[in-house]
Amino acid sequence: MNCPACSNQLKQLQVGGIEVDVCENGCGGLWFDQHELKHVDESHETLGASLLDIKKNPSVKTDGDAKRACPRCEDVIMMKHFLSVKREVVIDECGNCGGVWLDAGELGQIRGQEMSDDERAETAKQYFSETFGEMLDKMAAESAEKSQQAGKIASIFKFILPSYYIPGKQKWGAF
């Protein structure tokens, strides 16, 4: 399997019970198959520490904004998105197999941005309110029908987002 960032041959590295593909002596990126990242993404998970210093080739340069093909699925371009509500780390994720590509240094950033449940809830509440609050407030004010629509929209987003991200009791009363 080749690196989606620099085309180097990826090397398999056994980390606890998971097998991570690393771009050793290339760009230093990491490939996680579906659900593997959750085993190493928090600083208290000691397994992840061994992945923080993958040997890189300093002459290899990559473009973090480039569209990347999934190294596991042929002809599938990975989606770029923020990993968390803090919106600090953009990852590449395959919509087909669910694998995740992290550029060199991104795992360290992810492990350094842990939040308490209260911080996570407050950040999500603020983001949700900034993104949808004004629109839903206007809809709720227009009519009872619009209020029902606001409730449906809010329910959809509550379903999509993990429940611990949305504390509820917003002023527009959707939950």
N, C-alpha and C. Protein backbone atom coordinates (compact mmCIF):
# COMPACT_ATOMS: atom_id res chain seq x y z
N MET A 1 0.86 -1.17 0.00
CA MET A 1 0.00 0.00 0.00
C MET A 1 0.91 1.24 0.00
N ASN A 2 0.55 2.22 -0.82
CA ASN A 2 1.37 3.42 -0.95
C ASN A 2 0.76 4.61 -0.21
N CYS A 3 1.64 5.49 0.24
CA CYS A 3 1.25 6.70 0.96
C CYS A 3 0.43 7.61 0.05
N PRO A 4 -0.71 8.10 0.52
CA PRO A 4 -1.51 9.00 -0.31
C PRO A 4 -0.92 10.40 -0.43
N ALA A 5 0.06 10.74 0.40
CA ALA A 5 0.65 12.08 0.37
C ALA A 5 1.94 12.14 -0.43
N CYS A 6 2.79 11.11 -0.33
CA CYS A 6 4.09 11.17 -1.01
C CYS A 6 4.40 9.93 -1.86
N SER A 7 3.49 8.97 -1.91
CA SER A 7 3.61 7.74 -2.72
C SER A 7 4.66 6.76 -2.21
N ASN A 8 5.26 7.00 -1.07
CA ASN A 8 6.20 6.07 -0.45
C ASN A 8 5.46 4.79 -0.07
N GLN A 9 6.17 3.68 -0.04
CA GLN A 9 5.58 2.42 0.40
C GLN A 9 5.31 2.50 1.91
N LEU A 10 4.07 2.23 2.34
CA LEU A 10 3.73 2.26 3.76
C LEU A 10 4.21 0.99 4.45
N LYS A 11 4.65 1.14 5.67
CA LYS A 11 5.15 0.03 6.47
C LYS A 11 4.13 -0.25 7.58
N GLN A 12 3.84 -1.53 7.81
CA GLN A 12 2.89 -1.88 8.87
C GLN A 12 3.62 -1.91 10.20
N LEU A 13 2.98 -1.29 11.20
CA LEU A 13 3.54 -1.21 12.53
C LEU A 13 2.49 -1.71 13.52
N GLN A 14 2.85 -2.74 14.29
CA GLN A 14 1.93 -3.29 15.28
C GLN A 14 1.97 -2.41 16.52
N VAL A 15 0.81 -1.87 16.90
CA VAL A 15 0.69 -1.00 18.06
C VAL A 15 -0.43 -1.59 18.92
N GLY A 16 -0.04 -2.31 19.95
CA GLY A 16 -1.05 -2.98 20.77
C GLY A 16 -1.81 -3.96 19.90
N GLY A 17 -3.13 -3.85 19.90
CA GLY A 17 -3.96 -4.76 19.12
C GLY A 17 -4.30 -4.27 17.73
N ILE A 18 -3.70 -3.16 17.29
CA ILE A 18 -4.00 -2.65 15.96
C ILE A 18 -2.75 -2.60 15.10
N GLU A 19 -2.96 -2.61 13.81
CA GLU A 19 -1.86 -2.54 12.85
C GLU A 19 -2.00 -1.22 12.09
N VAL A 20 -1.08 -0.30 12.31
CA VAL A 20 -1.11 1.01 11.68
C VAL A 20 -0.12 1.02 10.53
N ASP A 21 -0.51 1.63 9.43
CA ASP A 21 0.39 1.77 8.28
C ASP A 21 1.05 3.13 8.38
N VAL A 22 2.39 3.14 8.39
CA VAL A 22 3.13 4.38 8.59
C VAL A 22 4.01 4.67 7.38
N CYS A 23 4.19 5.94 7.11
CA CYS A 23 5.06 6.37 6.01
C CYS A 23 6.44 6.68 6.60
N GLU A 24 7.13 5.62 6.97
CA GLU A 24 8.47 5.76 7.55
C GLU A 24 9.48 6.09 6.45
N ASN A 25 10.36 7.02 6.72
CA ASN A 25 11.36 7.50 5.76
C ASN A 25 10.73 8.18 4.55
N GLY A 26 9.50 8.61 4.72
CA GLY A 26 8.80 9.39 3.70
C GLY A 26 8.30 10.66 4.37
N CYS A 27 6.99 10.91 4.26
CA CYS A 27 6.41 12.13 4.84
C CYS A 27 6.07 11.99 6.32
N GLY A 28 6.09 10.77 6.86
CA GLY A 28 5.80 10.55 8.28
C GLY A 28 4.33 10.47 8.62
N GLY A 29 3.48 10.31 7.60
CA GLY A 29 2.03 10.22 7.83
C GLY A 29 1.62 8.85 8.37
N LEU A 30 0.35 8.77 8.78
CA LEU A 30 -0.19 7.55 9.39
C LEU A 30 -1.53 7.19 8.76
N TRP A 31 -1.72 5.89 8.48
CA TRP A 31 -3.00 5.40 7.98
C TRP A 31 -3.63 4.50 9.04
N PHE A 32 -4.88 4.83 9.39
CA PHE A 32 -5.65 4.03 10.34
C PHE A 32 -6.85 3.45 9.62
N ASP A 33 -7.01 2.13 9.71
CA ASP A 33 -8.22 1.53 9.18
C ASP A 33 -9.39 1.98 10.06
N GLN A 34 -10.60 1.72 9.60
CA GLN A 34 -11.80 2.17 10.31
C GLN A 34 -11.75 1.81 11.80
N HIS A 35 -12.04 2.78 12.63
CA HIS A 35 -12.12 2.67 14.10
C HIS A 35 -10.78 2.49 14.81
N GLU A 36 -9.68 2.45 14.11
CA GLU A 36 -8.39 2.27 14.78
C GLU A 36 -7.91 3.54 15.47
N LEU A 37 -8.18 4.68 14.89
CA LEU A 37 -7.69 5.94 15.45
C LEU A 37 -8.18 6.15 16.88
N LYS A 38 -9.38 5.70 17.19
CA LYS A 38 -9.93 5.92 18.53
C LYS A 38 -9.13 5.21 19.63
N HIS A 39 -8.24 4.30 19.26
CA HIS A 39 -7.42 3.58 20.24
C HIS A 39 -6.17 4.37 20.64
N VAL A 40 -5.84 5.42 19.88
CA VAL A 40 -4.59 6.14 20.14
C VAL A 40 -4.75 7.66 20.15
N ASP A 41 -5.97 8.18 20.08
CA ASP A 41 -6.17 9.62 19.89
C ASP A 41 -6.20 10.45 21.17
N GLU A 42 -6.07 9.84 22.32
CA GLU A 42 -6.06 10.59 23.58
C GLU A 42 -4.73 10.35 24.29
N SER A 43 -4.24 11.38 24.97
CA SER A 43 -2.90 11.32 25.55
C SER A 43 -2.75 10.24 26.62
N HIS A 44 -3.82 9.83 27.27
CA HIS A 44 -3.70 8.78 28.28
C HIS A 44 -3.56 7.39 27.66
N GLU A 45 -3.79 7.28 26.35
CA GLU A 45 -3.64 6.00 25.65
C GLU A 45 -2.17 5.83 25.26
N THR A 46 -1.45 5.09 26.05
CA THR A 46 0.00 4.98 25.89
C THR A 46 0.40 4.36 24.56
N LEU A 47 -0.47 3.59 23.95
CA LEU A 47 -0.14 2.99 22.67
C LEU A 47 0.20 4.04 21.62
N GLY A 48 -0.50 5.16 21.65
CA GLY A 48 -0.32 6.19 20.65
C GLY A 48 1.01 6.91 20.71
N ALA A 49 1.68 6.85 21.86
CA ALA A 49 2.96 7.57 22.01
C ALA A 49 4.00 7.09 21.01
N SER A 50 3.99 5.81 20.68
CA SER A 50 4.98 5.28 19.74
C SER A 50 4.77 5.77 18.32
N LEU A 51 3.60 6.34 18.04
CA LEU A 51 3.31 6.84 16.69
C LEU A 51 3.60 8.33 16.51
N LEU A 52 4.06 8.97 17.57
CA LEU A 52 4.28 10.42 17.52
C LEU A 52 5.59 10.80 16.82
N ASP A 53 6.53 9.89 16.76
CA ASP A 53 7.84 10.20 16.19
C ASP A 53 8.23 9.25 15.07
N ILE A 54 7.41 9.17 14.04
CA ILE A 54 7.73 8.33 12.89
C ILE A 54 8.88 8.99 12.13
N LYS A 55 9.88 8.20 11.81
CA LYS A 55 11.07 8.71 11.11
C LYS A 55 10.67 9.24 9.73
N LYS A 56 11.00 10.53 9.49
CA LYS A 56 10.65 11.20 8.24
C LYS A 56 11.90 11.46 7.41
N ASN A 57 11.69 11.63 6.12
CA ASN A 57 12.74 12.09 5.22
C ASN A 57 12.55 13.60 5.08
N PRO A 58 13.49 14.41 5.57
CA PRO A 58 13.31 15.86 5.53
C PRO A 58 13.19 16.45 4.13
N SER A 59 13.62 15.72 3.12
CA SER A 59 13.53 16.25 1.75
C SER A 59 12.14 16.02 1.14
N VAL A 60 11.30 15.21 1.78
CA VAL A 60 9.96 14.95 1.26
C VAL A 60 9.02 16.06 1.70
N LYS A 61 8.41 16.72 0.75
CA LYS A 61 7.45 17.79 1.01
C LYS A 61 6.09 17.35 0.49
N THR A 62 5.04 17.66 1.24
CA THR A 62 3.68 17.30 0.82
C THR A 62 2.79 18.54 0.86
N ASP A 63 1.69 18.47 0.12
CA ASP A 63 0.71 19.54 0.09
C ASP A 63 -0.49 19.10 0.91
N GLY A 64 -0.67 19.69 2.09
CA GLY A 64 -1.77 19.32 2.97
C GLY A 64 -3.14 19.64 2.42
N ASP A 65 -3.22 20.52 1.42
CA ASP A 65 -4.50 20.89 0.84
C ASP A 65 -4.88 20.03 -0.37
N ALA A 66 -3.94 19.20 -0.83
CA ALA A 66 -4.19 18.38 -2.02
C ALA A 66 -5.25 17.32 -1.75
N LYS A 67 -6.03 17.01 -2.77
CA LYS A 67 -6.97 15.89 -2.67
C LYS A 67 -6.16 14.60 -2.73
N ARG A 68 -6.55 13.66 -1.87
CA ARG A 68 -5.77 12.43 -1.77
C ARG A 68 -6.64 11.22 -2.05
N ALA A 69 -6.05 10.28 -2.76
CA ALA A 69 -6.73 9.01 -3.01
C ALA A 69 -6.55 8.09 -1.81
N CYS A 70 -7.57 7.33 -1.51
CA CYS A 70 -7.49 6.36 -0.41
C CYS A 70 -6.45 5.31 -0.77
N PRO A 71 -5.54 5.01 0.15
CA PRO A 71 -4.53 3.99 -0.15
C PRO A 71 -5.11 2.57 -0.15
N ARG A 72 -6.29 2.39 0.39
CA ARG A 72 -6.90 1.07 0.49
C ARG A 72 -7.91 0.83 -0.63
N CYS A 73 -8.65 1.87 -1.03
CA CYS A 73 -9.71 1.73 -2.04
C CYS A 73 -9.27 2.39 -3.35
N GLU A 74 -9.30 1.65 -4.41
CA GLU A 74 -8.91 2.21 -5.70
C GLU A 74 -9.91 3.26 -6.16
N ASP A 75 -9.42 4.33 -6.71
CA ASP A 75 -10.25 5.37 -7.33
C ASP A 75 -11.21 6.08 -6.38
N VAL A 76 -10.92 6.10 -5.09
CA VAL A 76 -11.76 6.82 -4.13
C VAL A 76 -10.95 7.99 -3.57
N ILE A 77 -11.47 9.19 -3.73
CA ILE A 77 -10.82 10.38 -3.17
C ILE A 77 -11.35 10.57 -1.76
N MET A 78 -10.45 10.78 -0.82
CA MET A 78 -10.84 10.95 0.58
C MET A 78 -11.44 12.33 0.82
N MET A 79 -12.30 12.42 1.81
CA MET A 79 -12.93 13.67 2.20
C MET A 79 -12.08 14.34 3.27
N LYS A 80 -11.96 15.64 3.19
CA LYS A 80 -11.27 16.41 4.23
C LYS A 80 -12.34 16.99 5.16
N HIS A 81 -12.11 16.85 6.46
CA HIS A 81 -13.03 17.44 7.43
C HIS A 81 -12.33 17.59 8.77
N PHE A 82 -12.93 18.43 9.62
CA PHE A 82 -12.39 18.60 10.96
C PHE A 82 -12.67 17.34 11.76
N LEU A 83 -11.73 16.95 12.60
CA LEU A 83 -11.90 15.75 13.41
C LEU A 83 -12.84 16.00 14.58
N SER A 84 -12.82 17.21 15.14
CA SER A 84 -13.62 17.47 16.33
C SER A 84 -14.29 18.84 16.25
N VAL A 85 -15.11 19.11 17.24
CA VAL A 85 -15.81 20.40 17.27
C VAL A 85 -14.88 21.57 17.52
N LYS A 86 -13.65 21.31 17.95
CA LYS A 86 -12.69 22.40 18.15
C LYS A 86 -12.22 22.95 16.81
N ARG A 87 -12.40 22.19 15.73
CA ARG A 87 -12.09 22.63 14.37
C ARG A 87 -10.63 23.06 14.23
N GLU A 88 -9.74 22.25 14.76
CA GLU A 88 -8.31 22.57 14.68
C GLU A 88 -7.54 21.64 13.76
N VAL A 89 -7.94 20.38 13.67
CA VAL A 89 -7.20 19.41 12.87
C VAL A 89 -8.09 18.89 11.75
N VAL A 90 -7.61 19.05 10.52
CA VAL A 90 -8.32 18.55 9.35
C VAL A 90 -7.71 17.20 8.99
N ILE A 91 -8.57 16.19 8.86
CA ILE A 91 -8.11 14.86 8.51
C ILE A 91 -8.64 14.48 7.13
N ASP A 92 -8.07 13.43 6.56
CA ASP A 92 -8.56 12.86 5.31
C ASP A 92 -9.22 11.53 5.67
N GLU A 93 -10.47 11.36 5.27
CA GLU A 93 -11.19 10.12 5.60
C GLU A 93 -11.83 9.55 4.35
N CYS A 94 -11.71 8.24 4.19
CA CYS A 94 -12.30 7.56 3.05
C CYS A 94 -13.77 7.29 3.35
N GLY A 95 -14.64 7.76 2.47
CA GLY A 95 -16.07 7.54 2.62
C GLY A 95 -16.47 6.11 2.32
N ASN A 96 -15.58 5.36 1.70
CA ASN A 96 -15.89 3.98 1.34
C ASN A 96 -15.51 3.00 2.46
N CYS A 97 -14.25 3.03 2.90
CA CYS A 97 -13.78 2.06 3.89
C CYS A 97 -13.72 2.63 5.31
N GLY A 98 -13.83 3.95 5.46
CA GLY A 98 -13.80 4.57 6.78
C GLY A 98 -12.40 4.75 7.34
N GLY A 99 -11.38 4.49 6.53
CA GLY A 99 -10.00 4.70 6.97
C GLY A 99 -9.68 6.18 7.10
N VAL A 100 -8.67 6.49 7.92
CA VAL A 100 -8.28 7.88 8.17
C VAL A 100 -6.79 8.06 7.92
N TRP A 101 -6.45 9.11 7.18
CA TRP A 101 -5.05 9.49 6.95
C TRP A 101 -4.73 10.72 7.78
N LEU A 102 -3.64 10.63 8.54
CA LEU A 102 -3.14 11.78 9.29
C LEU A 102 -1.77 12.16 8.76
N ASP A 103 -1.59 13.43 8.45
CA ASP A 103 -0.28 13.92 8.06
C ASP A 103 0.62 13.92 9.28
N ALA A 104 1.92 14.00 9.05
CA ALA A 104 2.89 14.03 10.15
C ALA A 104 2.54 15.14 11.12
N GLY A 105 2.54 14.83 12.40
CA GLY A 105 2.26 15.81 13.44
C GLY A 105 0.81 15.94 13.84
N GLU A 106 -0.10 15.47 13.00
CA GLU A 106 -1.53 15.63 13.32
C GLU A 106 -1.97 14.77 14.50
N LEU A 107 -1.39 13.59 14.66
CA LEU A 107 -1.76 12.77 15.81
C LEU A 107 -1.39 13.49 17.10
N GLY A 108 -0.24 14.12 17.14
CA GLY A 108 0.17 14.89 18.32
C GLY A 108 -0.80 16.04 18.59
N GLN A 109 -1.24 16.72 17.53
CA GLN A 109 -2.22 17.81 17.70
C GLN A 109 -3.53 17.27 18.26
N ILE A 110 -3.97 16.14 17.74
CA ILE A 110 -5.22 15.53 18.20
C ILE A 110 -5.10 15.14 19.66
N ARG A 111 -4.00 14.52 20.01
CA ARG A 111 -3.81 14.08 21.40
C ARG A 111 -3.67 15.27 22.35
N GLY A 112 -3.27 16.42 21.84
CA GLY A 112 -3.10 17.61 22.67
C GLY A 112 -4.35 18.45 22.82
N GLN A 113 -5.42 18.12 22.11
CA GLN A 113 -6.61 18.96 22.17
C GLN A 113 -7.76 18.31 22.94
N GLU A 114 -7.44 17.41 23.82
CA GLU A 114 -8.49 16.78 24.63
C GLU A 114 -9.27 17.82 25.40
N MET A 115 -10.55 17.56 25.54
CA MET A 115 -11.43 18.46 26.28
C MET A 115 -12.21 17.66 27.31
N SER A 116 -12.56 18.33 28.38
CA SER A 116 -13.45 17.71 29.36
C SER A 116 -14.84 17.65 28.74
N ASP A 117 -15.73 16.88 29.35
CA ASP A 117 -17.10 16.81 28.84
C ASP A 117 -17.77 18.19 28.86
N ASP A 118 -17.50 18.97 29.90
CA ASP A 118 -18.08 20.31 29.98
C ASP A 118 -17.55 21.21 28.86
N GLU A 119 -16.24 21.15 28.60
CA GLU A 119 -15.65 21.95 27.52
C GLU A 119 -16.21 21.52 26.17
N ARG A 120 -16.34 20.21 25.96
CA ARG A 120 -16.87 19.68 24.71
C ARG A 120 -18.31 20.15 24.52
N ALA A 121 -19.11 20.07 25.56
CA ALA A 121 -20.50 20.49 25.47
C ALA A 121 -20.62 21.99 25.18
N GLU A 122 -19.81 22.79 25.85
CA GLU A 122 -19.86 24.24 25.65
C GLU A 122 -19.39 24.61 24.24
N THR A 123 -18.34 23.97 23.75
CA THR A 123 -17.84 24.25 22.40
C THR A 123 -18.89 23.87 21.36
N ALA A 124 -19.50 22.71 21.52
CA ALA A 124 -20.53 22.27 20.58
C ALA A 124 -21.74 23.18 20.63
N LYS A 125 -22.15 23.57 21.83
CA LYS A 125 -23.30 24.47 22.00
C LYS A 125 -23.03 25.79 21.27
N GLN A 126 -21.84 26.33 21.47
CA GLN A 126 -21.48 27.60 20.84
C GLN A 126 -21.46 27.45 19.31
N TYR A 127 -20.84 26.40 18.80
CA TYR A 127 -20.76 26.19 17.36
C TYR A 127 -22.16 26.00 16.77
N PHE A 128 -22.97 25.16 17.41
CA PHE A 128 -24.31 24.90 16.92
C PHE A 128 -25.14 26.17 16.91
N SER A 129 -25.02 26.95 17.97
CA SER A 129 -25.77 28.21 18.07
C SER A 129 -25.32 29.20 17.00
N GLU A 130 -24.00 29.31 16.80
CA GLU A 130 -23.49 30.23 15.78
C GLU A 130 -23.92 29.80 14.38
N THR A 131 -23.94 28.52 14.13
CA THR A 131 -24.23 28.02 12.80
C THR A 131 -25.72 28.00 12.49
N PHE A 132 -26.54 27.57 13.43
CA PHE A 132 -27.95 27.36 13.14
C PHE A 132 -28.91 28.18 14.00
N GLY A 133 -28.43 28.72 15.11
CA GLY A 133 -29.31 29.38 16.07
C GLY A 133 -30.13 30.51 15.50
N GLU A 134 -29.50 31.42 14.78
CA GLU A 134 -30.21 32.59 14.24
C GLU A 134 -31.28 32.17 13.25
N MET A 135 -30.94 31.25 12.36
CA MET A 135 -31.90 30.77 11.36
C MET A 135 -33.09 30.10 12.06
N LEU A 136 -32.82 29.26 13.04
CA LEU A 136 -33.89 28.56 13.72
C LEU A 136 -34.72 29.52 14.57
N ASP A 137 -34.08 30.52 15.16
CA ASP A 137 -34.82 31.53 15.92
C ASP A 137 -35.81 32.27 15.01
N LYS A 138 -35.35 32.64 13.82
CA LYS A 138 -36.22 33.34 12.87
C LYS A 138 -37.38 32.46 12.43
N MET A 139 -37.08 31.20 12.15
CA MET A 139 -38.13 30.29 11.72
C MET A 139 -39.17 30.11 12.83
N ALA A 140 -38.71 29.95 14.05
CA ALA A 140 -39.62 29.76 15.17
C ALA A 140 -40.49 30.98 15.38
N ALA A 141 -39.94 32.16 15.15
CA ALA A 141 -40.70 33.39 15.35
C ALA A 141 -41.75 33.61 14.26
N GLU A 142 -41.54 33.09 13.07
CA GLU A 142 -42.44 33.33 11.94
C GLU A 142 -43.81 32.68 12.12
N SER A 143 -43.83 31.45 12.57
CA SER A 143 -45.13 30.79 12.72
C SER A 143 -44.96 29.44 13.41
N ALA A 144 -46.07 28.88 13.78
CA ALA A 144 -46.04 27.57 14.42
C ALA A 144 -45.53 26.52 13.43
N GLU A 145 -45.90 26.67 12.17
CA GLU A 145 -45.44 25.73 11.15
C GLU A 145 -43.92 25.79 11.02
N LYS A 146 -43.41 27.00 10.98
CA LYS A 146 -41.96 27.17 10.89
C LYS A 146 -41.29 26.63 12.15
N SER A 147 -41.96 26.77 13.29
CA SER A 147 -41.42 26.24 14.54
C SER A 147 -41.28 24.73 14.46
N GLN A 148 -42.29 24.07 13.85
CA GLN A 148 -42.21 22.62 13.68
C GLN A 148 -41.05 22.27 12.76
N GLN A 149 -40.86 23.05 11.70
CA GLN A 149 -39.74 22.81 10.79
C GLN A 149 -38.42 22.98 11.52
N ALA A 150 -38.34 24.00 12.36
CA ALA A 150 -37.12 24.22 13.15
C ALA A 150 -36.85 23.02 14.04
N GLY A 151 -37.89 22.50 14.66
CA GLY A 151 -37.74 21.32 15.51
C GLY A 151 -37.25 20.11 14.73
N LYS A 152 -37.77 19.93 13.51
CA LYS A 152 -37.35 18.80 12.67
C LYS A 152 -35.88 18.94 12.27
N ILE A 153 -35.49 20.15 11.88
CA ILE A 153 -34.10 20.39 11.50
C ILE A 153 -33.18 20.12 12.69
N ALA A 154 -33.56 20.63 13.84
CA ALA A 154 -32.74 20.42 15.03
C ALA A 154 -32.66 18.93 15.38
N SER A 155 -33.76 18.21 15.21
CA SER A 155 -33.76 16.77 15.50
C SER A 155 -32.82 16.02 14.57
N ILE A 156 -32.80 16.45 13.31
CA ILE A 156 -31.88 15.82 12.35
C ILE A 156 -30.44 16.00 12.81
N PHE A 157 -30.08 17.23 13.21
CA PHE A 157 -28.71 17.48 13.63
C PHE A 157 -28.40 16.80 14.96
N LYS A 158 -29.39 16.67 15.81
CA LYS A 158 -29.16 15.95 17.06
C LYS A 158 -28.87 14.49 16.77
N PHE A 159 -29.55 13.94 15.74
CA PHE A 159 -29.32 12.55 15.35
C PHE A 159 -27.93 12.38 14.75
N ILE A 160 -27.53 13.34 13.92
CA ILE A 160 -26.24 13.26 13.24
C ILE A 160 -25.08 13.42 14.22
N LEU A 161 -25.19 14.37 15.15
CA LEU A 161 -24.11 14.65 16.09
C LEU A 161 -24.25 13.77 17.32
N PRO A 162 -23.15 13.36 17.92
CA PRO A 162 -23.24 12.58 19.16
C PRO A 162 -23.99 13.37 20.23
N SER A 163 -24.81 12.66 21.01
CA SER A 163 -25.69 13.33 21.96
C SER A 163 -24.93 14.15 23.00
N TYR A 164 -23.69 13.78 23.34
CA TYR A 164 -22.98 14.55 24.35
C TYR A 164 -22.46 15.86 23.79
N TYR A 165 -22.57 16.06 22.47
CA TYR A 165 -22.17 17.34 21.90
C TYR A 165 -23.28 18.37 21.99
N ILE A 166 -24.53 17.96 22.11
CA ILE A 166 -25.64 18.91 22.10
C ILE A 166 -26.36 18.84 23.45
N PRO A 167 -26.17 19.82 24.29
CA PRO A 167 -26.73 19.76 25.63
C PRO A 167 -28.24 20.00 25.69
N GLY A 168 -28.85 20.55 24.66
CA GLY A 168 -30.30 20.78 24.66
C GLY A 168 -30.69 22.08 25.33
N LYS A 169 -31.97 22.31 25.44
CA LYS A 169 -32.54 23.48 26.09
C LYS A 169 -32.11 24.79 25.43
N GLN A 170 -31.99 24.77 24.09
CA GLN A 170 -31.69 26.01 23.39
C GLN A 170 -32.93 26.90 23.48
N LYS A 171 -32.76 28.21 23.29
CA LYS A 171 -33.87 29.14 23.45
C LYS A 171 -34.95 28.95 22.41
N TRP A 172 -34.62 28.32 21.29
CA TRP A 172 -35.65 28.09 20.28
C TRP A 172 -36.42 26.81 20.55
N GLY A 173 -36.07 26.08 21.63
CA GLY A 173 -36.88 24.99 22.15
C GLY A 173 -37.01 23.78 21.25
N ALA A 174 -36.02 23.49 20.42
CA ALA A 174 -36.15 22.36 19.51
C ALA A 174 -36.00 21.02 20.21
N PHE A 175 -35.30 20.95 21.30
CA PHE A 175 -35.12 19.67 21.98
C PHE A 175 -35.97 19.65 23.22
